[in-house]
Protein backbone atom coordinates (compact mmCIF):
# COMPACT_ATOMS: atom_id res chain seq x y z
CA MET A 1 0.04 -0.01 0.18
CA LEU A 2 2.63 2.27 -1.16
CA ASN A 3 1.59 5.92 -2.73
CA ASN A 4 4.93 6.19 -4.73
CA ASP A 5 7.17 3.44 -6.10
CA HIS A 6 9.90 5.43 -5.28
CA VAL A 7 9.88 5.17 -1.22
CA LYS A 8 12.65 3.27 -0.30
CA ARG A 9 12.26 3.39 3.49
CA LEU A 10 9.28 4.25 6.03
CA TYR A 11 9.81 5.42 9.41
CA PHE A 12 6.81 4.51 11.79
CA ILE A 13 6.43 7.26 14.11
CA GLY A 14 5.19 6.91 17.93
CA ASP A 15 2.36 8.41 19.84
CA ILE A 16 2.46 12.48 19.83
CA HIS A 17 0.07 13.44 22.54
CA ALA A 18 0.09 16.78 20.61
CA GLN A 19 4.31 17.54 20.91
CA TYR A 20 4.54 19.33 17.76
CA ASN A 21 8.02 20.76 18.73
CA LYS A 22 9.07 17.29 19.51
CA LEU A 23 7.78 16.24 15.96
CA LEU A 24 9.47 19.06 14.37
CA LYS A 25 13.13 18.06 15.56
CA LEU A 26 12.17 14.50 15.02
CA LEU A 27 11.61 15.24 11.31
CA GLU A 28 14.67 17.51 11.20
CA HIS A 29 17.03 14.70 13.01
CA LEU A 30 15.70 12.24 10.10
CA ASP A 31 16.24 14.51 7.01
CA PHE A 32 12.76 14.67 6.01
CA ASP A 33 11.97 17.65 4.95
CA ILE A 34 9.30 18.13 2.07
CA ASP A 35 10.52 21.47 0.85
CA ASP A 36 13.93 19.57 -0.34
CA LEU A 37 13.46 16.57 -2.36
CA GLU A 38 17.11 15.61 -1.91
CA SER A 39 16.15 15.22 1.81
CA ASN A 40 14.91 11.70 2.93
CA ALA A 41 11.28 12.89 2.14
CA GLY A 42 12.49 12.48 -1.56
CA ASN A 43 12.47 8.91 -0.99
CA ALA A 44 10.97 7.85 2.36
CA GLN A 45 7.02 8.11 3.65
CA LEU A 46 6.23 8.52 7.66
CA VAL A 47 3.56 6.23 9.28
CA PHE A 48 2.20 7.80 11.91
CA ILE A 49 0.94 5.02 14.69
CA GLY A 50 -1.81 7.25 16.39
CA ASP A 51 -2.63 8.91 19.67
CA LEU A 52 -1.66 12.41 17.95
CA ILE A 53 -3.85 14.13 20.54
CA ASP A 54 -4.08 14.80 24.55
CA SER A 55 -1.08 16.08 25.95
CA GLU A 56 -0.25 15.44 29.25
CA PRO A 57 -1.32 17.83 31.99
CA GLY A 58 1.12 20.54 32.96
CA PHE A 59 2.95 19.74 29.51
CA ASP A 60 1.26 21.67 26.88
CA GLY A 61 1.45 20.93 23.34
CA ASP A 62 0.26 22.35 20.38
CA HIS A 63 -2.59 20.19 18.85
CA LEU A 64 -3.81 22.39 16.05
CA ASN A 65 -0.33 23.02 14.37
CA LEU A 66 0.40 19.14 14.98
CA LEU A 67 -2.90 18.11 13.57
CA ARG A 68 -2.33 20.51 10.49
CA LEU A 69 1.23 19.53 9.71
CA ILE A 70 -0.35 15.72 9.67
CA LYS A 71 -3.07 16.13 7.72
CA HIS A 72 -0.99 18.07 5.40
CA LEU A 73 1.84 15.39 5.13
CA VAL A 74 -1.05 12.58 4.64
CA ASP A 75 -2.73 14.80 2.26
CA ASN A 76 0.24 15.18 0.19
CA ASN A 77 1.21 11.79 0.04
CA TYR A 78 4.17 12.03 2.14
CA ALA A 79 2.92 10.26 4.99
CA TYR A 80 0.16 7.55 6.42
CA CYS A 81 -1.85 8.22 9.62
CA LEU A 82 -3.78 5.37 11.56
CA LEU A 83 -6.22 5.89 14.42
CA GLY A 84 -5.32 6.03 17.97
CA ASN A 85 -7.30 4.89 21.03
CA HIS A 86 -7.19 8.70 21.91
CA GLU A 87 -8.90 9.55 18.73
CA PHE A 88 -11.03 6.55 18.86
CA ASN A 89 -12.00 8.11 22.31
CA ALA A 90 -12.38 11.61 21.09
CA ILE A 91 -14.83 10.72 18.73
CA GLY A 92 -16.95 9.05 21.61
CA TRP A 93 -16.66 11.88 23.19
CA ALA A 94 -18.14 14.32 20.52
CA THR A 95 -20.79 11.32 20.15
CA GLU A 96 -24.24 11.90 21.05
CA LEU A 97 -26.24 8.52 21.28
CA ARG A 98 -29.19 10.66 22.76
CA THR A 99 -29.91 13.92 24.12
CA GLY A 100 -27.48 14.05 26.83
CA GLN A 101 -26.16 10.74 26.26
CA TRP A 102 -22.64 10.64 24.94
CA ALA A 103 -20.91 7.50 23.79
CA ARG A 104 -17.84 8.05 25.69
CA PRO A 105 -19.00 9.29 28.88
CA HIS A 106 -18.32 12.93 30.12
CA SER A 107 -17.04 11.73 33.38
CA ALA A 108 -14.44 14.28 35.25
CA HIS A 109 -11.79 11.46 34.59
CA ASN A 110 -12.31 11.11 30.89
CA PHE A 111 -12.66 14.90 30.56
CA LYS A 112 -8.86 15.47 32.30
CA GLN A 113 -7.56 12.91 29.67
CA HIS A 114 -9.25 14.75 26.78
CA GLN A 115 -9.33 18.28 28.21
CA SER A 116 -6.23 19.87 26.66
CA PHE A 117 -7.55 18.58 22.81
CA LEU A 118 -11.43 20.37 23.95
CA GLU A 119 -9.17 23.62 25.05
CA ALA A 120 -7.54 23.83 21.79
CA VAL A 121 -10.33 23.16 19.36
CA GLY A 122 -13.17 25.03 21.00
CA GLU A 123 -15.45 22.04 22.07
CA GLY A 124 -18.61 22.22 20.07
CA SER A 125 -17.03 24.47 17.62
CA GLU A 126 -16.62 24.09 13.45
CA GLU A 127 -12.77 23.38 14.40
CA HIS A 128 -13.88 20.64 16.79
CA SER A 129 -16.29 18.58 14.19
CA TYR A 130 -13.42 18.75 11.58
CA TRP A 131 -11.00 17.11 13.50
CA ILE A 132 -13.75 14.31 14.48
CA ASN A 133 -14.75 14.03 11.06
CA TRP A 134 -11.16 13.45 9.99
CA PHE A 135 -10.27 11.13 13.05
CA LYS A 136 -13.25 8.82 11.25
CA LYS A 137 -11.43 8.52 8.29
CA LEU A 138 -8.32 6.93 9.64
CA PRO A 139 -7.61 3.52 9.06
CA PHE A 140 -7.29 1.06 11.97
CA PHE A 141 -4.44 -0.38 10.72
CA ILE A 142 -2.26 -0.79 7.47
CA GLU A 143 -0.79 -3.30 5.27
CA PHE A 144 2.33 -2.96 3.17
CA GLU A 145 4.14 -5.93 1.17
CA SER A 146 6.74 -6.54 4.09
CA VAL A 147 5.53 -4.68 7.48
CA ARG A 148 2.40 -3.97 8.44
CA ALA A 149 0.74 -1.54 11.49
CA ILE A 150 -1.78 -0.88 13.85
CA HIS A 151 -2.09 1.13 17.08
CA ALA A 152 -2.25 -1.60 20.02
CA CYS A 153 -2.63 -5.04 19.04
CA TRP A 154 -2.82 -7.17 15.83
CA ASP A 155 -5.11 -10.10 15.82
CA GLU A 156 -5.75 -12.03 12.52
CA GLN A 157 -8.96 -13.37 13.89
CA VAL A 158 -10.11 -9.79 15.48
CA ILE A 159 -8.94 -7.98 11.77
CA SER A 160 -11.13 -10.68 10.16
CA ALA A 161 -14.12 -10.04 12.26
CA ILE A 162 -14.09 -5.96 11.76
CA GLU A 163 -13.39 -6.18 8.37
CA PRO A 164 -17.48 -5.94 7.20
CA TYR A 165 -17.45 -3.03 9.51
CA LEU A 166 -14.41 -1.18 7.57
CA ASN A 167 -14.65 0.94 4.44
CA GLU A 168 -11.55 -0.10 1.82
CA ASN A 169 -8.88 1.84 3.34
CA HIS A 170 -9.91 -0.38 7.10
CA SER A 171 -11.60 2.90 8.62
CA LEU A 172 -15.14 2.48 9.96
CA LYS A 173 -18.07 2.63 8.05
CA GLU A 174 -20.24 5.95 9.43
CA GLU A 175 -22.96 3.63 10.09
CA TYR A 176 -21.30 2.30 12.39
CA TRP A 177 -19.72 4.39 14.65
CA GLN A 178 -22.38 4.40 17.60
CA ASN A 179 -21.94 0.55 17.47
CA ALA A 180 -18.10 1.09 18.41
CA PHE A 181 -19.21 2.10 21.46
CA ASP A 182 -21.93 -0.15 22.73
CA PRO A 183 -20.56 -2.89 24.95
CA ASN A 184 -23.27 -5.03 23.96
CA HIS A 185 -22.37 -4.71 20.33
CA GLU A 186 -19.51 -7.04 19.23
CA LEU A 187 -17.83 -3.96 17.42
CA PHE A 188 -17.32 -3.07 20.17
CA GLY A 189 -14.76 -5.78 21.95
CA LEU A 190 -13.17 -6.07 18.51
CA CYS A 191 -12.20 -1.89 18.49
CA GLU A 192 -11.33 -2.50 22.42
CA THR A 193 -8.62 -5.42 21.26
CA LEU A 194 -7.35 -3.47 18.42
CA LEU A 195 -6.78 -0.17 19.88
CA LYS A 196 -6.16 -0.69 23.40
CA GLY A 197 -4.73 -4.20 23.26
CA PRO A 198 -6.52 -7.52 25.09
CA GLU A 199 -6.67 -8.02 28.72
CA TYR A 200 -7.38 -10.52 31.42
CA PRO A 201 -8.78 -10.40 34.79
CA LEU A 202 -6.93 -10.32 37.64
CA PRO A 203 -7.48 -12.99 40.63
CA LYS A 204 -10.78 -11.92 42.93
CA GLY A 205 -9.77 -8.82 45.02
CA LYS A 206 -6.22 -8.14 43.50
CA PHE A 207 -5.42 -4.77 41.65
CA PHE A 208 -2.89 -2.17 40.84
CA PHE A 209 -3.33 1.54 40.16
CA ASP A 210 -1.68 2.68 36.42
CA ILE A 211 0.53 5.40 35.70
CA THR A 212 -2.43 7.65 35.34
CA GLY A 213 -3.41 6.98 38.82
CA GLU A 214 -6.75 4.94 37.91
CA LYS A 215 -7.29 1.57 39.71
CA ARG A 216 -7.18 -1.55 37.22
CA THR A 217 -8.93 -4.95 37.60
CA THR A 218 -7.20 -6.40 34.82
CA LYS A 219 -4.04 -6.69 33.19
CA ARG A 220 -2.76 -6.29 29.77
CA SER A 221 -1.71 -9.38 27.79
CA GLU A 222 1.15 -9.60 26.10
CA TRP A 223 -0.22 -10.70 22.63
CA TRP A 224 3.42 -10.35 20.77
CA GLN A 225 4.72 -14.01 22.44
CA PHE A 226 1.73 -15.22 20.47
CA TYR A 227 2.22 -13.57 17.43
CA ASP A 228 5.84 -14.46 16.91
CA GLN A 229 4.47 -18.32 17.40
CA GLN A 230 2.68 -18.49 13.69
CA ASP A 231 4.17 -18.79 10.50
CA ASP A 232 4.61 -16.37 7.69
CA THR A 233 3.12 -13.53 9.39
CA PRO A 234 4.66 -10.48 8.45
CA PRO A 235 6.27 -8.29 11.19
CA VAL A 236 4.06 -5.38 12.92
CA ILE A 237 4.88 -2.22 14.17
CA ILE A 238 2.65 -0.78 17.25
CA GLY A 239 2.33 2.11 19.56
CA HIS A 240 0.32 2.80 22.74
CA TYR A 241 2.07 1.28 25.69
CA MET A 242 3.80 3.86 26.87
CA LEU A 243 7.12 2.04 27.23
CA SER A 244 10.74 3.71 28.87
CA GLY A 245 14.39 2.85 28.76
CA LEU A 246 16.41 1.98 25.97
CA PRO A 247 14.10 1.37 22.77
CA GLN A 248 14.06 -2.32 21.39
CA ALA A 249 11.96 -4.60 19.78
CA LYS A 250 8.88 -6.51 22.19
CA SER A 251 9.51 -9.71 20.62
CA LYS A 252 11.51 -10.55 16.88
CA ASN A 253 8.46 -9.67 14.82
CA VAL A 254 6.82 -6.94 17.14
CA VAL A 255 8.58 -3.43 17.59
CA CYS A 256 6.37 -0.94 19.73
CA VAL A 257 7.22 2.73 19.07
CA ASP A 258 5.71 4.71 22.14
CA TYR A 259 8.04 5.39 24.62
CA ASN A 260 5.82 8.11 26.35
CA ALA A 261 6.67 11.54 24.78
CA ALA A 262 3.52 13.02 26.08
CA LYS A 263 6.26 13.47 28.63
CA ALA A 264 8.94 16.18 28.69
CA GLU A 265 11.80 13.89 29.76
CA GLN A 266 10.48 11.16 26.73
CA PRO A 267 11.82 10.92 23.15
CA LEU A 268 9.44 10.89 20.40
CA VAL A 269 10.43 7.68 18.90
CA SER A 270 10.63 6.34 15.36
CA TYR A 271 11.48 2.86 13.75
CA GLN A 272 12.81 2.50 10.21
CA VAL A 273 12.07 0.01 7.72
CA SER A 274 14.09 -0.17 4.68
CA LEU A 275 11.98 -1.67 1.30
CA PRO A 276 11.83 -4.09 0.43
CA ALA A 277 12.32 -6.02 3.73
CA ASP A 278 12.14 -9.53 2.45
CA ASP A 279 15.37 -10.13 2.05
CA GLN A 280 16.90 -13.10 4.08
CA GLN A 281 19.98 -10.98 5.05
CA TYR A 282 17.20 -8.11 6.54
CA GLU A 283 16.88 -8.48 10.48
CA PHE A 284 13.70 -7.08 11.47
CA ALA A 285 13.76 -6.48 15.01
CA ASN A 286 17.10 -4.53 15.38
CA LYS A 287 18.21 -1.79 17.77
CA SER A 288 19.90 0.62 15.00
CA TYR A 289 16.72 0.96 13.20
CA PHE A 290 15.00 3.15 16.45
CA ARG A 291 15.50 7.05 15.10
CA TYR A 292 14.80 9.72 17.88
CA VAL A 293 16.71 12.64 18.70
CA ASP A 294 19.57 12.60 21.19
CA GLN A 295 19.61 8.89 20.80
CA PRO A 296 22.77 7.67 22.61
CA ASP A 297 25.55 6.26 20.42
CA LEU A 298 26.28 2.87 21.97
CA GLU A 299 29.17 1.55 20.57
CA ASP A 300 30.79 4.95 21.38
CA LEU A 301 29.44 4.97 25.04
CA THR A 302 31.19 1.69 25.00
CA ASN A 303 34.58 3.07 23.52
CA GLN A 304 34.46 6.09 26.18
CA GLY A 305 34.29 3.39 28.92
CA LEU A 306 37.36 1.55 27.59
CA ILE A 307 39.29 4.53 26.90
CA SER A 308 38.31 5.61 30.90
CA LEU A 309 39.47 2.11 31.97
CA LEU A 310 42.79 2.52 30.12
CA GLU A 311 43.30 6.40 32.01
CA LEU A 312 42.42 4.58 34.89
CA GLN A 313 45.38 2.26 34.86
CA LEU A 314 47.62 4.70 33.35
CA GLN A 315 47.05 6.92 36.23
CA LEU A 316 47.68 3.99 39.00
CA PHE A 317 50.96 3.21 36.93
CA LYS A 318 52.03 6.64 36.71
CA THR A 319 52.04 6.64 40.88
CA PHE A 320 54.55 3.61 40.55
CA GLN A 321 56.96 5.48 38.20
CA ASP A 322 59.95 7.50 39.58
CA GLU A 323 60.09 10.61 37.34
CA HIS A 324 63.68 9.93 36.76
CA PHE A 325 64.29 7.15 34.30
CA THR A 326 67.58 5.19 34.70
CA GLU A 327 69.66 4.91 31.93
CA ASN A 328 67.76 0.85 30.86
CA GLU A 329 64.42 2.67 30.76
CA GLU A 330 65.93 5.71 28.39
CA ALA A 331 67.17 3.04 25.83
CA PHE A 332 64.26 1.12 26.24
CA VAL A 333 61.84 4.42 25.46
CA GLU A 334 64.09 4.80 21.99
CA PHE A 335 63.41 1.28 21.56
CA LEU A 336 59.73 1.01 22.16
CA SER A 337 59.70 4.59 19.64
CA ASP A 338 61.27 3.07 16.94
CA ILE A 339 59.17 -0.40 17.29
CA LEU A 340 55.75 1.74 17.39
CA TRP A 341 56.64 3.50 13.85
CA ARG A 342 58.39 0.32 12.31
CA GLU A 343 56.24 -2.37 13.84
CA TRP A 344 52.70 -0.85 14.82
CA ASN A 345 52.51 1.73 12.77
CA PRO A 346 48.43 1.68 12.33
CA MET A 347 48.49 4.63 10.15
CA ALA A 348 51.06 2.65 7.65
CA LEU A 349 53.27 5.67 7.17
CA THR A 350 55.71 4.96 4.57
CA ASP A 351 57.97 8.43 5.02
CA LEU A 352 59.26 6.97 8.69
CA ASP A 353 62.07 9.31 8.93
CA ASP A 354 59.57 12.49 8.59
CA CYS A 355 56.88 11.39 10.92
CA ARG A 356 58.98 9.68 14.11
CA ASP A 357 56.80 12.04 16.36
CA GLU A 358 52.99 10.53 14.77
CA TYR A 359 52.79 8.25 17.84
CA SER A 360 54.67 9.94 20.08
CA SER A 361 51.62 10.94 22.41
CA PHE A 362 51.33 6.47 22.76
CA GLU A 363 55.14 6.28 23.94
CA GLU A 364 54.10 6.92 28.22
CA GLY A 365 51.43 4.81 28.00
CA ALA A 366 53.01 1.81 26.11
CA PHE A 367 56.11 2.68 28.73
CA LEU A 368 53.60 1.97 31.59
CA PHE A 369 52.40 -0.90 30.39
CA ALA A 370 55.39 -2.36 29.18
CA LYS A 371 57.00 -1.68 32.25
CA TYR A 372 54.09 -2.83 35.18
CA SER A 373 51.67 -5.57 33.30
CA ASN A 374 52.02 -7.82 30.48
CA VAL A 375 51.52 -8.80 26.91
CA ALA A 376 47.62 -8.89 27.29
CA LEU A 377 47.11 -5.83 28.56
CA LEU A 378 49.93 -3.58 26.60
CA GLY A 379 47.78 -5.37 23.27
CA ALA A 380 44.71 -4.11 24.56
CA TYR A 381 46.04 -0.90 24.90
CA LEU A 382 48.03 -0.74 21.44
CA TYR A 383 44.34 -2.24 20.03
CA LEU A 384 42.08 0.83 22.05
CA SER A 385 44.49 3.33 20.87
CA GLN A 386 44.69 2.21 16.99
CA SER A 387 40.86 1.82 17.24
CA ILE A 388 39.33 4.03 19.38
CA SER A 389 41.46 7.14 19.67
CA ILE A 390 43.04 7.21 16.29
CA GLY A 391 39.99 5.48 14.54
CA LEU A 392 40.97 2.64 12.36
CA ASP A 393 39.42 -0.40 11.78
CA ILE A 394 42.46 -2.51 10.76
CA LYS A 395 42.22 -6.58 9.24
CA ASN A 396 43.74 -8.75 11.98
CA ALA A 397 44.42 -5.47 13.94
CA LYS A 398 44.03 -7.46 17.40
CA GLN A 399 47.15 -10.08 16.48
CA LYS A 400 48.97 -7.40 15.62
CA CYS A 401 48.92 -5.14 18.26
CA ALA A 402 49.51 -8.88 20.58
CA HIS A 403 52.90 -9.32 18.61
CA VAL A 404 54.16 -6.07 18.98
CA ALA A 405 53.30 -6.12 22.81
CA TRP A 406 55.22 -9.34 23.04
CA MET A 407 58.11 -7.88 21.46
CA LEU A 408 58.15 -4.95 23.94
CA ILE A 409 57.74 -6.96 27.11
CA GLU A 410 60.62 -9.40 25.87
CA LYS A 411 62.44 -6.18 25.62
CA ALA A 412 61.48 -4.78 29.00
CA LYS A 413 62.26 -7.94 30.56
CA ASP A 414 65.65 -8.42 29.24
CA SER A 415 66.47 -4.94 29.89
CA GLY A 416 65.41 -5.66 33.65
CA ILE A 417 62.66 -2.98 33.40
CA ASN A 418 59.23 -5.29 33.55
CA GLN A 419 57.81 -5.80 37.15
CA ASN A 420 55.02 -8.14 36.12
CA SER A 421 55.62 -11.71 37.01
CA GLU A 422 53.15 -12.72 34.27
CA PHE A 423 54.02 -12.85 30.51
């Protein structure tokens, strides 16, 4: 279901909850600029997973600018947008079953959840009606050739059961909207499952309070565990579950992109799917496909930690070392300098006579490791220096670094310098 044959990737964007500025920053991060077709907007499309509205109390969003932007993107084939449970609830709030009776009760709890949207559009106004009518046209789910998306839960039986009620684009037919809020009609349960996820009752007397403070006597089912057991089912992307922590897949075939962007400190998360995704080498559930602003570079974090460990070890060695070198130590430093630029030489320098100083910044560290440690630690120091500090990825680098370390440790022992009994 692609609008353009040139689309090479899809970006699935999690629950926004009116955080317009977060969306702008994410689009910039994704290099998605519809005014510049040299950007990713020229060969990618967005898929909004639903829950565009209802910002968290105390953290104001910008409902109108957000909705106008997303509708513009959808209308101009830059994006798709799914129905979320908050849009569904908004339709229920605005649907009068009979005089004074609303499809979604106008309770204090429901009003508090929906207040920011109602204030933004003006309850009962033409603006309000405009967006409710647009919400009604949003599809429950979307299927591409190699991936599918829905707000909360993909259940094949429920999908089959609800299809007679849907338009061709998988939005609900107008004549069934009142039934969707009738607990006695099958459509009610179907919508609940797809937009809120299946739940099971807790044992009698058991309950818990959710993050909104509401008392719950049912618990959400981890339906994705059963989804993975089905053969030949396309992977699915969902939102809804207000996750936290480092983004990762729910299972091998289910990815959630809702990391509670309604909260100020939480990111608006997206997930990239390259097309086609049916290549045998393509791993759908991969942490590296998550995209969001201020995303940590995990490899860089590990590298920083390794460098810190080296620095701590070097600082310890420095406390052992007298500032005045012995004659043997001075001779060893000359030998070490020669070995670093002749044998180690990670930058493959050819004019060695003019490049003797290129590795001078590593001489002190190599000397201290040669004097106070062993081949393994000195080899690790050389390897991390070239792979992280210099930033070179060299074939057989670990073997070469260990070989150089072996030469230096042997020389240090022969010179009576090395004080480590382990080779």
